[in-house]
Amino acid sequence: MSEAERRKVGKRGQVTIPKELRERFGISGGDDIVIHEEAGKIVIERPVTREELAEGYRQRAQRSRELADELAGVSTEADDHLGDAPEW
């Protein structure tokens, strides 16, 4: 679907999502969707699943551990080069 498709809104506010888009985004009858406004437009999207959210948190935690390890190495290197911090 390369061009926008015009749809008529029913009396109860219902609109049919074109079949090609439903298939492309894995949306079937009875599925939950999220509808919100974004930059003056109506956006319809699949909600984030618990699994997707958990995976995002796992990736963030892993990146945080990697950064902490990197900073620990930099701190040790700085101590070796500059000496211990003075006692104030």
C-alpha atoms as a PDB file:
ATOM      1  CA  MET A   1       0.000   0.000   0.000  1.00  0.00           C
ATOM      2  CA  SER A   2       2.038   2.918  -1.273  1.00  0.00           C
ATOM      3  CA  GLU A   3      -0.681   5.556  -1.301  1.00  0.00           C
ATOM      4  CA  ALA A   4      -3.075   6.693   1.375  1.00  0.00           C
ATOM      5  CA  GLU A   5      -6.476   5.074   1.220  1.00  0.00           C
ATOM      6  CA  ARG A   6      -9.609   7.034   2.004  1.00  0.00           C
ATOM      7  CA  ARG A   7     -11.990   5.449   4.487  1.00  0.00           C
ATOM      8  CA  LYS A   8     -15.365   6.613   5.723  1.00  0.00           C
ATOM      9  CA  VAL A   9     -15.968   6.855   9.469  1.00  0.00           C
ATOM     10  CA  GLY A  10     -19.165   5.078  10.496  1.00  0.00           C
ATOM     11  CA  LYS A  11     -21.861   6.633  12.693  1.00  0.00           C
ATOM     12  CA  ARG A  12     -20.317   4.963  15.763  1.00  0.00           C
ATOM     13  CA  GLY A  13     -16.818   6.264  14.930  1.00  0.00           C
ATOM     14  CA  GLN A  14     -15.563   2.970  13.468  1.00  0.00           C
ATOM     15  CA  VAL A  15     -13.011   2.748  10.668  1.00  0.00           C
ATOM     16  CA  THR A  16     -11.781  -0.435   8.956  1.00  0.00           C
ATOM     17  CA  ILE A  17      -8.004  -0.820   8.780  1.00  0.00           C
ATOM     18  CA  PRO A  18      -7.073  -1.955   5.248  1.00  0.00           C
ATOM     19  CA  LYS A  19      -6.286  -5.683   4.968  1.00  0.00           C
ATOM     20  CA  GLU A  20      -2.762  -5.069   3.625  1.00  0.00           C
ATOM     21  CA  LEU A  21      -1.878  -2.978   6.684  1.00  0.00           C
ATOM     22  CA  ARG A  22      -3.471  -5.462   9.103  1.00  0.00           C
ATOM     23  CA  GLU A  23      -1.404  -8.251   7.569  1.00  0.00           C
ATOM     24  CA  ARG A  24       1.809  -6.226   7.472  1.00  0.00           C
ATOM     25  CA  PHE A  25       1.497  -5.235  11.141  1.00  0.00           C
ATOM     26  CA  GLY A  26       0.095  -8.544  12.372  1.00  0.00           C
ATOM     27  CA  ILE A  27      -3.256  -7.147  13.494  1.00  0.00           C
ATOM     28  CA  SER A  28      -6.193  -9.555  13.582  1.00  0.00           C
ATOM     29  CA  GLY A  29      -9.802  -9.213  14.663  1.00  0.00           C
ATOM     30  CA  GLY A  30     -10.026  -9.084  18.462  1.00  0.00           C
ATOM     31  CA  ASP A  31      -6.441  -7.806  18.928  1.00  0.00           C
ATOM     32  CA  ASP A  32      -5.762  -4.859  21.201  1.00  0.00           C
ATOM     33  CA  ILE A  33      -4.444  -1.666  19.620  1.00  0.00           C
ATOM     34  CA  VAL A  34      -3.358   1.677  21.019  1.00  0.00           C
ATOM     35  CA  ILE A  35      -4.758   4.916  19.582  1.00  0.00           C
ATOM     36  CA  HIS A  36      -3.200   8.263  20.473  1.00  0.00           C
ATOM     37  CA  GLU A  37      -2.450  11.699  19.099  1.00  0.00           C
ATOM     38  CA  GLU A  38       1.063  12.536  17.992  1.00  0.00           C
ATOM     39  CA  ALA A  39       2.068  15.838  16.395  1.00  0.00           C
ATOM     40  CA  GLY A  40      -1.517  16.597  15.438  1.00  0.00           C
ATOM     41  CA  LYS A  41      -2.143  13.182  13.868  1.00  0.00           C
ATOM     42  CA  ILE A  42      -4.078  10.115  14.984  1.00  0.00           C
ATOM     43  CA  VAL A  43      -1.723   7.149  15.437  1.00  0.00           C
ATOM     44  CA  ILE A  44      -2.878   3.520  15.611  1.00  0.00           C
ATOM     45  CA  GLU A  45      -0.299   0.949  16.738  1.00  0.00           C
ATOM     46  CA  ARG A  46       0.113  -2.408  18.383  1.00  0.00           C
ATOM     47  CA  PRO A  47       0.764  -2.131  22.119  1.00  0.00           C
ATOM     48  CA  VAL A  48       4.180  -3.065  23.463  1.00  0.00           C
ATOM     49  CA  THR A  49       4.067  -6.606  24.846  1.00  0.00           C
ATOM     50  CA  ARG A  50       5.420  -7.532  28.257  1.00  0.00           C
ATOM     51  CA  GLU A  51       8.085  -9.596  26.515  1.00  0.00           C
ATOM     52  CA  GLU A  52       9.204  -6.652  24.356  1.00  0.00           C
ATOM     53  CA  LEU A  53       9.293  -4.384  27.391  1.00  0.00           C
ATOM     54  CA  ALA A  54      11.274  -6.940  29.423  1.00  0.00           C
ATOM     55  CA  GLU A  55      13.767  -7.352  26.573  1.00  0.00           C
ATOM     56  CA  GLY A  56      14.255  -3.570  26.438  1.00  0.00           C
ATOM     57  CA  TYR A  57      15.000  -3.512  30.174  1.00  0.00           C
ATOM     58  CA  ARG A  58      17.450  -6.435  29.804  1.00  0.00           C
ATOM     59  CA  GLN A  59      19.306  -4.630  27.025  1.00  0.00           C
ATOM     60  CA  ARG A  60      19.462  -1.422  29.050  1.00  0.00           C
ATOM     61  CA  ALA A  61      20.758  -3.272  32.128  1.00  0.00           C
ATOM     62  CA  GLN A  62      23.424  -4.989  30.014  1.00  0.00           C
ATOM     63  CA  ARG A  63      24.538  -1.640  28.550  1.00  0.00           C
ATOM     64  CA  SER A  64      24.688  -0.151  32.066  1.00  0.00           C
ATOM     65  CA  ARG A  65      26.939  -3.031  33.216  1.00  0.00           C
ATOM     66  CA  GLU A  66      29.189  -2.536  30.192  1.00  0.00           C
ATOM     67  CA  LEU A  67      29.492   1.195  30.910  1.00  0.00           C
ATOM     68  CA  ALA A  68      30.234   0.562  34.594  1.00  0.00           C
ATOM     69  CA  ASP A  69      33.004  -1.894  33.641  1.00  0.00           C
ATOM     70  CA  GLU A  70      34.436   0.600  31.164  1.00  0.00           C
ATOM     71  CA  LEU A  71      34.388   3.418  33.724  1.00  0.00           C
ATOM     72  CA  ALA A  72      36.038   1.206  36.342  1.00  0.00           C
ATOM     73  CA  GLY A  73      38.890   0.586  33.918  1.00  0.00           C
ATOM     74  CA  VAL A  74      39.217   4.289  33.130  1.00  0.00           C
ATOM     75  CA  SER A  75      39.239   5.145  36.839  1.00  0.00           C
ATOM     76  CA  THR A  76      42.004   2.615  37.525  1.00  0.00           C
ATOM     77  CA  GLU A  77      43.990   3.943  34.571  1.00  0.00           C
ATOM     78  CA  ALA A  78      43.606   7.527  35.846  1.00  0.00           C
ATOM     79  CA  ASP A  79      44.729   6.510  39.348  1.00  0.00           C
ATOM     80  CA  ASP A  80      47.800   4.786  37.878  1.00  0.00           C
ATOM     81  CA  HIS A  81      48.675   7.839  35.813  1.00  0.00           C
ATOM     82  CA  LEU A  82      47.782  10.616  38.284  1.00  0.00           C
ATOM     83  CA  GLY A  83      48.135   8.899  41.623  1.00  0.00           C
ATOM     84  CA  ASP A  84      45.574   8.681  44.360  1.00  0.00           C
ATOM     85  CA  ALA A  85      43.321  11.616  45.051  1.00  0.00           C
ATOM     86  CA  PRO A  86      44.668  13.819  47.822  1.00  0.00           C
ATOM     87  CA  GLU A  87      43.085  13.628  51.273  1.00  0.00           C
ATOM     88  CA  TRP A  88      41.381  16.934  51.947  1.00  0.00           C
END
